Amino acid sequence: MDYPISAVARLAGTTSRTLRHYGDIGLLPPSRVGTNGYRYYDPDALVRLQRILLLRSLGMPLPAIGEVLDDPRAEAPASALRVHLDFLRGEQQRLDRQITAVLTTVEALERGEEPMPKDMFDGFDHTRYREEVEERWGHQAYADGDAWWRSRTQEEKDAFGEEVADLNARWTDAASRNIAPTSEEALGLAGRHVAWLAGIPGTPRNRDGSPSAEYLRGLGEMYVGDPRFAANYGGPDGAELVRSALGEWLTRHG
């Protein structure tokens, strides 16, 4: 069974124009085109569209999504979607905490009471790792990074978010394919990860300005040891790949 473009757009909460664009750039070709020129999509195409929308929601650019979906080494759709599912469950938990925090504030205001600061910001993630950062690398490291982030324009924040989402998705995809941390692909991702960290003020550095080995190894341990971090890379296996690949990168470049 297949579905016309108008029905797919309605079901997916997008537009026919968007679907046509996806088809024109080769990201989501229609399963068939009717004699009237209408585009139709079968179940396989709908699964692909679901994955596209999931990766797009993470801020991944369309060309990168195409590379991930068309990589011949990639896992089967069901396996890849399980990785997305783990991430979404983590996001669901975070959003549930935000909803509870906002509801608590609303109810306090409606009662004419002063909201409790300790309850107002649960689930709001900008500073959720503050204690870990300050404990490991000092108050100044956190303060510098926090000031830098607050000084960014919304456009700069969006671009940063896209870079992070793309990097996380590529680590997740690599882990789903069980690539070796010593492979060229993993080392390339590790190098990109290090370059990303180097662009953030407050990152502990060597004299040449590169992130310190202690910092990189410490991050690797945090990724593996804390499920909140591991969720960024699809779970424990992804976090382990990042840690091991960073360690291998340091062995070769440190």
C-alpha atoms as a PDB file:
ATOM      1  CA  MET A   1       0.000   0.000   0.000  1.00  0.00           C
ATOM      2  CA  ASP A   2       1.216   3.505  -0.710  1.00  0.00           C
ATOM      3  CA  TYR A   3      -0.012   6.958   0.225  1.00  0.00           C
ATOM      4  CA  PRO A   4      -0.352  10.195  -1.767  1.00  0.00           C
ATOM      5  CA  ILE A   5       1.899  13.095  -0.910  1.00  0.00           C
ATOM      6  CA  SER A   6      -0.946  15.124   0.625  1.00  0.00           C
ATOM      7  CA  ALA A   7      -1.800  12.335   3.071  1.00  0.00           C
ATOM      8  CA  VAL A   8       1.841  11.794   4.008  1.00  0.00           C
ATOM      9  CA  ALA A   9       2.348  15.511   4.610  1.00  0.00           C
ATOM     10  CA  ARG A  10      -0.717  15.631   6.850  1.00  0.00           C
ATOM     11  CA  LEU A  11       0.286  12.537   8.824  1.00  0.00           C
ATOM     12  CA  ALA A  12       3.895  13.686   9.277  1.00  0.00           C
ATOM     13  CA  GLY A  13       2.997  17.243  10.227  1.00  0.00           C
ATOM     14  CA  THR A  14       4.945  18.693   7.321  1.00  0.00           C
ATOM     15  CA  THR A  15       4.052  20.102   3.893  1.00  0.00           C
ATOM     16  CA  SER A  16       3.836  18.700   0.388  1.00  0.00           C
ATOM     17  CA  ARG A  17       6.347  21.339  -0.634  1.00  0.00           C
ATOM     18  CA  THR A  18       8.859  19.997   1.901  1.00  0.00           C
ATOM     19  CA  LEU A  19       8.349  16.441   0.691  1.00  0.00           C
ATOM     20  CA  ARG A  20       8.823  17.505  -2.911  1.00  0.00           C
ATOM     21  CA  HIS A  21      12.037  19.263  -1.904  1.00  0.00           C
ATOM     22  CA  TYR A  22      13.268  16.116  -0.160  1.00  0.00           C
ATOM     23  CA  GLY A  23      12.550  14.207  -3.340  1.00  0.00           C
ATOM     24  CA  ASP A  24      14.220  16.753  -5.607  1.00  0.00           C
ATOM     25  CA  ILE A  25      17.478  16.561  -3.642  1.00  0.00           C
ATOM     26  CA  GLY A  26      17.400  12.756  -3.539  1.00  0.00           C
ATOM     27  CA  LEU A  27      16.743  12.513   0.187  1.00  0.00           C
ATOM     28  CA  LEU A  28      13.256  10.984  -0.083  1.00  0.00           C
ATOM     29  CA  PRO A  29      12.337   9.847  -3.600  1.00  0.00           C
ATOM     30  CA  PRO A  30       8.675   8.918  -4.017  1.00  0.00           C
ATOM     31  CA  SER A  31       7.952   5.217  -4.359  1.00  0.00           C
ATOM     32  CA  ARG A  32       6.119   5.970  -7.579  1.00  0.00           C
ATOM     33  CA  VAL A  33       4.677   8.877  -9.519  1.00  0.00           C
ATOM     34  CA  GLY A  34       1.142   8.517 -10.826  1.00  0.00           C
ATOM     35  CA  THR A  35      -0.016   9.388 -14.317  1.00  0.00           C
ATOM     36  CA  ASN A  36      -1.389  12.612 -12.889  1.00  0.00           C
ATOM     37  CA  GLY A  37       2.079  13.536 -11.590  1.00  0.00           C
ATOM     38  CA  TYR A  38       1.128  12.830  -7.998  1.00  0.00           C
ATOM     39  CA  ARG A  39       3.845  11.368  -5.778  1.00  0.00           C
ATOM     40  CA  TYR A  40       3.158   8.272  -3.681  1.00  0.00           C
ATOM     41  CA  TYR A  41       5.088   6.777  -0.762  1.00  0.00           C
ATOM     42  CA  ASP A  42       5.187   3.146   0.394  1.00  0.00           C
ATOM     43  CA  PRO A  43       5.925   1.886   3.956  1.00  0.00           C
ATOM     44  CA  ASP A  44       9.704   1.834   3.372  1.00  0.00           C
ATOM     45  CA  ALA A  45       9.572   5.479   2.304  1.00  0.00           C
ATOM     46  CA  LEU A  46       7.544   6.354   5.404  1.00  0.00           C
ATOM     47  CA  VAL A  47      10.156   4.709   7.645  1.00  0.00           C
ATOM     48  CA  ARG A  48      12.845   6.721   5.869  1.00  0.00           C
ATOM     49  CA  LEU A  49      10.801   9.898   6.344  1.00  0.00           C
ATOM     50  CA  GLN A  50      10.466   9.176  10.055  1.00  0.00           C
ATOM     51  CA  ARG A  51      14.245   8.883  10.345  1.00  0.00           C
ATOM     52  CA  ILE A  52      14.719  12.092   8.353  1.00  0.00           C
ATOM     53  CA  LEU A  53      12.385  13.992  10.659  1.00  0.00           C
ATOM     54  CA  LEU A  54      14.086  12.580  13.758  1.00  0.00           C
ATOM     55  CA  LEU A  55      17.557  13.594  12.557  1.00  0.00           C
ATOM     56  CA  ARG A  56      16.254  16.968  11.409  1.00  0.00           C
ATOM     57  CA  SER A  57      14.838  17.579  14.886  1.00  0.00           C
ATOM     58  CA  LEU A  58      18.378  17.131  16.217  1.00  0.00           C
ATOM     59  CA  GLY A  59      19.526  19.976  13.982  1.00  0.00           C
ATOM     60  CA  MET A  60      21.365  17.814  11.447  1.00  0.00           C
ATOM     61  CA  PRO A  61      21.655  19.455   7.998  1.00  0.00           C
ATOM     62  CA  LEU A  62      19.904  17.700   5.123  1.00  0.00           C
ATOM     63  CA  PRO A  63      23.116  16.723   3.270  1.00  0.00           C
ATOM     64  CA  ALA A  64      24.445  15.057   6.427  1.00  0.00           C
ATOM     65  CA  ILE A  65      21.151  13.208   6.910  1.00  0.00           C
ATOM     66  CA  GLY A  66      21.450  11.840   3.397  1.00  0.00           C
ATOM     67  CA  GLU A  67      24.984  10.629   4.100  1.00  0.00           C
ATOM     68  CA  VAL A  68      23.863   8.843   7.263  1.00  0.00           C
ATOM     69  CA  LEU A  69      20.848   7.172   5.664  1.00  0.00           C
ATOM     70  CA  ASP A  70      22.645   6.106   2.503  1.00  0.00           C
ATOM     71  CA  ASP A  71      25.830   4.857   4.118  1.00  0.00           C
ATOM     72  CA  PRO A  72      26.121   1.199   2.998  1.00  0.00           C
ATOM     73  CA  ARG A  73      27.680   0.339   6.360  1.00  0.00           C
ATOM     74  CA  ALA A  74      24.717   1.680   8.323  1.00  0.00           C
ATOM     75  CA  GLU A  75      22.541  -0.522  10.472  1.00  0.00           C
ATOM     76  CA  ALA A  76      19.118  -1.692   9.311  1.00  0.00           C
ATOM     77  CA  PRO A  77      16.346   0.887   9.859  1.00  0.00           C
ATOM     78  CA  ALA A  78      14.924  -0.947  12.881  1.00  0.00           C
ATOM     79  CA  SER A  79      18.295  -0.950  14.672  1.00  0.00           C
ATOM     80  CA  ALA A  80      18.945   2.693  13.845  1.00  0.00           C
ATOM     81  CA  LEU A  81      15.505   3.682  15.065  1.00  0.00           C
ATOM     82  CA  ARG A  82      16.196   1.977  18.391  1.00  0.00           C
ATOM     83  CA  VAL A  83      19.097   4.384  18.844  1.00  0.00           C
ATOM     84  CA  HIS A  84      16.764   7.295  18.127  1.00  0.00           C
ATOM     85  CA  LEU A  85      14.254   5.798  20.549  1.00  0.00           C
ATOM     86  CA  ASP A  86      16.786   5.791  23.393  1.00  0.00           C
ATOM     87  CA  PHE A  87      17.549   9.443  22.722  1.00  0.00           C
ATOM     88  CA  LEU A  88      13.864  10.386  22.588  1.00  0.00           C
ATOM     89  CA  ARG A  89      13.215   8.654  25.894  1.00  0.00           C
ATOM     90  CA  GLY A  90      15.966  10.731  27.466  1.00  0.00           C
ATOM     91  CA  GLU A  91      14.441  13.883  25.980  1.00  0.00           C
ATOM     92  CA  GLN A  92      11.021  12.820  27.241  1.00  0.00           C
ATOM     93  CA  GLN A  93      12.345  12.559  30.774  1.00  0.00           C
ATOM     94  CA  ARG A  94      13.942  16.000  30.488  1.00  0.00           C
ATOM     95  CA  LEU A  95      10.730  17.549  29.139  1.00  0.00           C
ATOM     96  CA  ASP A  96       8.671  15.891  31.880  1.00  0.00           C
ATOM     97  CA  ARG A  97      10.929  17.575  34.428  1.00  0.00           C
ATOM     98  CA  GLN A  98      10.525  20.929  32.685  1.00  0.00           C
ATOM     99  CA  ILE A  99       6.739  20.550  32.607  1.00  0.00           C
ATOM    100  CA  THR A 100       6.664  19.769  36.311  1.00  0.00           C
ATOM    101  CA  ALA A 101       8.912  22.748  37.070  1.00  0.00           C
ATOM    102  CA  VAL A 102       6.763  25.181  35.062  1.00  0.00           C
ATOM    103  CA  LEU A 103       3.523  23.768  36.476  1.00  0.00           C
ATOM    104  CA  THR A 104       4.874  24.206  39.999  1.00  0.00           C
ATOM    105  CA  THR A 105       5.651  27.859  39.229  1.00  0.00           C
ATOM    106  CA  VAL A 106       2.213  28.480  37.708  1.00  0.00           C
ATOM    107  CA  GLU A 107       0.415  26.939  40.675  1.00  0.00           C
ATOM    108  CA  ALA A 108       2.493  28.963  43.134  1.00  0.00           C
ATOM    109  CA  LEU A 109       1.746  32.207  41.270  1.00  0.00           C
ATOM    110  CA  GLU A 110      -1.951  31.404  41.077  1.00  0.00           C
ATOM    111  CA  ARG A 111      -1.985  30.911  44.854  1.00  0.00           C
ATOM    112  CA  GLY A 112      -0.279  34.269  45.288  1.00  0.00           C
ATOM    113  CA  GLU A 113       2.864  32.599  46.593  1.00  0.00           C
ATOM    114  CA  GLU A 114       6.493  33.129  45.669  1.00  0.00           C
ATOM    115  CA  PRO A 115       7.861  30.254  43.537  1.00  0.00           C
ATOM    116  CA  MET A 116      10.694  28.281  45.082  1.00  0.00           C
ATOM    117  CA  PRO A 117      13.895  28.764  43.023  1.00  0.00           C
ATOM    118  CA  LYS A 118      15.064  25.231  43.769  1.00  0.00           C
ATOM    119  CA  ASP A 119      11.958  23.870  41.988  1.00  0.00           C
ATOM    120  CA  MET A 120      11.795  26.303  39.059  1.00  0.00           C
ATOM    121  CA  PHE A 121      14.637  25.160  36.844  1.00  0.00           C
ATOM    122  CA  ASP A 122      14.661  21.375  36.965  1.00  0.00           C
ATOM    123  CA  GLY A 123      15.134  20.086  33.431  1.00  0.00           C
ATOM    124  CA  PHE A 124      16.492  23.331  32.000  1.00  0.00           C
ATOM    125  CA  ASP A 125      19.742  22.089  30.612  1.00  0.00           C
ATOM    126  CA  HIS A 126      22.068  25.004  29.954  1.00  0.00           C
ATOM    127  CA  THR A 127      23.778  24.645  33.326  1.00  0.00           C
ATOM    128  CA  ARG A 128      22.881  21.059  34.164  1.00  0.00           C
ATOM    129  CA  TYR A 129      26.533  19.966  34.199  1.00  0.00           C
ATOM    130  CA  ARG A 130      27.823  22.920  36.182  1.00  0.00           C
ATOM    131  CA  GLU A 131      28.787  20.922  39.260  1.00  0.00           C
ATOM    132  CA  GLU A 132      30.700  18.355  37.208  1.00  0.00           C
ATOM    133  CA  VAL A 133      32.592  21.056  35.326  1.00  0.00           C
ATOM    134  CA  GLU A 134      33.461  23.082  38.423  1.00  0.00           C
ATOM    135  CA  GLU A 135      34.480  20.027  40.420  1.00  0.00           C
ATOM    136  CA  ARG A 136      36.812  18.732  37.714  1.00  0.00           C
ATOM    137  CA  TRP A 137      38.171  21.902  36.097  1.00  0.00           C
ATOM    138  CA  GLY A 138      37.380  24.787  38.422  1.00  0.00           C
ATOM    139  CA  HIS A 139      34.895  27.629  38.736  1.00  0.00           C
ATOM    140  CA  GLN A 140      36.647  29.764  36.132  1.00  0.00           C
ATOM    141  CA  ALA A 141      36.336  27.116  33.438  1.00  0.00           C
ATOM    142  CA  TYR A 142      32.579  27.027  33.926  1.00  0.00           C
ATOM    143  CA  ALA A 143      32.285  30.819  34.220  1.00  0.00           C
ATOM    144  CA  ASP A 144      34.196  31.395  30.972  1.00  0.00           C
ATOM    145  CA  GLY A 145      32.106  28.888  29.058  1.00  0.00           C
ATOM    146  CA  ASP A 146      28.853  30.185  30.528  1.00  0.00           C
ATOM    147  CA  ALA A 147      29.712  33.826  29.698  1.00  0.00           C
ATOM    148  CA  TRP A 148      30.677  32.842  26.160  1.00  0.00           C
ATOM    149  CA  TRP A 149      27.384  31.033  25.605  1.00  0.00           C
ATOM    150  CA  ARG A 150      25.288  33.884  26.945  1.00  0.00           C
ATOM    151  CA  SER A 151      27.103  36.317  24.639  1.00  0.00           C
ATOM    152  CA  ARG A 152      26.181  34.350  21.495  1.00  0.00           C
ATOM    153  CA  THR A 153      23.432  35.546  19.184  1.00  0.00           C
ATOM    154  CA  GLN A 154      20.515  33.211  18.564  1.00  0.00           C
ATOM    155  CA  GLU A 155      21.899  32.498  15.104  1.00  0.00           C
ATOM    156  CA  GLU A 156      25.252  31.539  16.604  1.00  0.00           C
ATOM    157  CA  LYS A 157      23.555  29.348  19.185  1.00  0.00           C
ATOM    158  CA  ASP A 158      21.550  27.621  16.458  1.00  0.00           C
ATOM    159  CA  ALA A 159      24.711  26.977  14.415  1.00  0.00           C
ATOM    160  CA  PHE A 160      26.454  25.606  17.488  1.00  0.00           C
ATOM    161  CA  GLY A 161      23.491  23.355  18.178  1.00  0.00           C
ATOM    162  CA  GLU A 162      23.558  22.022  14.621  1.00  0.00           C
ATOM    163  CA  GLU A 163      27.263  21.222  14.919  1.00  0.00           C
ATOM    164  CA  VAL A 164      26.726  19.381  18.205  1.00  0.00           C
ATOM    165  CA  ALA A 165      23.711  17.480  16.883  1.00  0.00           C
ATOM    166  CA  ASP A 166      25.559  16.433  13.749  1.00  0.00           C
ATOM    167  CA  LEU A 167      28.610  15.310  15.709  1.00  0.00           C
ATOM    168  CA  ASN A 168      26.507  13.366  18.220  1.00  0.00           C
ATOM    169  CA  ALA A 169      24.506  11.711  15.440  1.00  0.00           C
ATOM    170  CA  ARG A 170      27.672  10.627  13.649  1.00  0.00           C
ATOM    171  CA  TRP A 171      29.103   9.127  16.838  1.00  0.00           C
ATOM    172  CA  THR A 172      25.788   7.349  17.416  1.00  0.00           C
ATOM    173  CA  ASP A 173      25.708   6.014  13.876  1.00  0.00           C
ATOM    174  CA  ALA A 174      29.333   4.870  14.080  1.00  0.00           C
ATOM    175  CA  ALA A 175      28.645   3.030  17.334  1.00  0.00           C
ATOM    176  CA  SER A 176      25.586   1.342  15.836  1.00  0.00           C
ATOM    177  CA  ARG A 177      27.896  -0.099  13.162  1.00  0.00           C
ATOM    178  CA  ASN A 178      30.419  -1.283  15.768  1.00  0.00           C
ATOM    179  CA  ILE A 179      33.333   0.516  14.158  1.00  0.00           C
ATOM    180  CA  ALA A 180      36.688   0.177  15.902  1.00  0.00           C
ATOM    181  CA  PRO A 181      37.961   3.150  17.915  1.00  0.00           C
ATOM    182  CA  THR A 182      41.259   2.789  16.036  1.00  0.00           C
ATOM    183  CA  SER A 183      39.584   3.096  12.623  1.00  0.00           C
ATOM    184  CA  GLU A 184      40.119   6.135  10.447  1.00  0.00           C
ATOM    185  CA  GLU A 185      36.447   7.021  10.773  1.00  0.00           C
ATOM    186  CA  ALA A 186      36.553   7.006  14.576  1.00  0.00           C
ATOM    187  CA  LEU A 187      39.809   8.953  14.671  1.00  0.00           C
ATOM    188  CA  GLY A 188      38.352  11.489  12.267  1.00  0.00           C
ATOM    189  CA  LEU A 189      35.353  11.955  14.552  1.00  0.00           C
ATOM    190  CA  ALA A 190      37.672  12.234  17.556  1.00  0.00           C
ATOM    191  CA  GLY A 191      39.660  14.956  15.787  1.00  0.00           C
ATOM    192  CA  ARG A 192      36.456  16.808  15.002  1.00  0.00           C
ATOM    193  CA  HIS A 193      35.344  16.407  18.625  1.00  0.00           C
ATOM    194  CA  VAL A 194      38.624  17.881  19.861  1.00  0.00           C
ATOM    195  CA  ALA A 195      38.363  20.794  17.406  1.00  0.00           C
ATOM    196  CA  TRP A 196      34.826  21.491  18.604  1.00  0.00           C
ATOM    197  CA  LEU A 197      35.960  21.552  22.232  1.00  0.00           C
ATOM    198  CA  ALA A 198      38.889  23.808  21.336  1.00  0.00           C
ATOM    199  CA  GLY A 199      36.425  26.450  20.143  1.00  0.00           C
ATOM    200  CA  ILE A 200      34.711  26.731  23.527  1.00  0.00           C
ATOM    201  CA  PRO A 201      36.158  29.247  26.015  1.00  0.00           C
ATOM    202  CA  GLY A 202      36.832  27.707  29.408  1.00  0.00           C
ATOM    203  CA  THR A 203      38.120  24.447  27.966  1.00  0.00           C
ATOM    204  CA  PRO A 204      41.303  23.508  29.901  1.00  0.00           C
ATOM    205  CA  ARG A 205      44.168  23.830  27.442  1.00  0.00           C
ATOM    206  CA  ASN A 206      47.777  23.042  26.760  1.00  0.00           C
ATOM    207  CA  ARG A 207      50.217  25.859  26.098  1.00  0.00           C
ATOM    208  CA  ASP A 208      49.542  25.599  22.368  1.00  0.00           C
ATOM    209  CA  GLY A 209      45.833  26.223  22.955  1.00  0.00           C
ATOM    210  CA  SER A 210      44.662  22.660  22.323  1.00  0.00           C
ATOM    211  CA  PRO A 211      42.418  20.908  24.875  1.00  0.00           C
ATOM    212  CA  SER A 212      44.490  19.212  27.543  1.00  0.00           C
ATOM    213  CA  ALA A 213      44.879  15.448  27.597  1.00  0.00           C
ATOM    214  CA  GLU A 214      43.609  15.356  31.184  1.00  0.00           C
ATOM    215  CA  TYR A 215      40.481  17.212  30.129  1.00  0.00           C
ATOM    216  CA  LEU A 216      39.809  14.943  27.150  1.00  0.00           C
ATOM    217  CA  ARG A 217      40.338  11.778  29.155  1.00  0.00           C
ATOM    218  CA  GLY A 218      38.153  13.140  31.945  1.00  0.00           C
ATOM    219  CA  LEU A 219      35.379  13.911  29.477  1.00  0.00           C
ATOM    220  CA  GLY A 220      35.619  10.388  28.116  1.00  0.00           C
ATOM    221  CA  GLU A 221      35.150   8.978  31.591  1.00  0.00           C
ATOM    222  CA  MET A 222      32.173  11.266  32.197  1.00  0.00           C
ATOM    223  CA  TYR A 223      30.556  10.182  28.934  1.00  0.00           C
ATOM    224  CA  VAL A 224      30.778   6.537  29.982  1.00  0.00           C
ATOM    225  CA  GLY A 225      30.028   6.958  33.668  1.00  0.00           C
ATOM    226  CA  ASP A 226      26.968   9.210  33.445  1.00  0.00           C
ATOM    227  CA  PRO A 227      23.854   8.082  31.530  1.00  0.00           C
ATOM    228  CA  ARG A 228      22.971  11.727  30.856  1.00  0.00           C
ATOM    229  CA  PHE A 229      26.136  12.107  28.814  1.00  0.00           C
ATOM    230  CA  ALA A 230      25.933   8.648  27.263  1.00  0.00           C
ATOM    231  CA  ALA A 231      22.464   9.451  25.912  1.00  0.00           C
ATOM    232  CA  ASN A 232      24.050  12.030  23.590  1.00  0.00           C
ATOM    233  CA  TYR A 233      25.836   9.197  21.805  1.00  0.00           C
ATOM    234  CA  GLY A 234      23.023   6.671  21.712  1.00  0.00           C
ATOM    235  CA  GLY A 235      23.818   5.000  25.028  1.00  0.00           C
ATOM    236  CA  PRO A 236      26.733   3.210  26.733  1.00  0.00           C
ATOM    237  CA  ASP A 237      28.183   1.702  23.552  1.00  0.00           C
ATOM    238  CA  GLY A 238      28.367   5.105  21.888  1.00  0.00           C
ATOM    239  CA  ALA A 239      29.930   6.697  24.958  1.00  0.00           C
ATOM    240  CA  GLU A 240      32.511   3.908  25.106  1.00  0.00           C
ATOM    241  CA  LEU A 241      33.390   4.476  21.461  1.00  0.00           C
ATOM    242  CA  VAL A 242      33.904   8.202  22.068  1.00  0.00           C
ATOM    243  CA  ARG A 243      36.092   7.561  25.120  1.00  0.00           C
ATOM    244  CA  SER A 244      38.205   4.946  23.362  1.00  0.00           C
ATOM    245  CA  ALA A 245      38.552   6.965  20.174  1.00  0.00           C
ATOM    246  CA  LEU A 246      39.587  10.075  22.102  1.00  0.00           C
ATOM    247  CA  GLY A 247      42.147   7.977  23.973  1.00  0.00           C
ATOM    248  CA  GLU A 248      43.501   6.610  20.704  1.00  0.00           C
ATOM    249  CA  TRP A 249      43.566  10.125  19.217  1.00  0.00           C
ATOM    250  CA  LEU A 250      45.588  11.332  22.213  1.00  0.00           C
ATOM    251  CA  THR A 251      48.031   8.458  21.832  1.00  0.00           C
ATOM    252  CA  ARG A 252      48.699   9.536  18.272  1.00  0.00           C
ATOM    253  CA  HIS A 253      48.505  13.298  18.658  1.00  0.00           C
ATOM    254  CA  GLY A 254      49.002  14.058  22.338  1.00  0.00           C
END
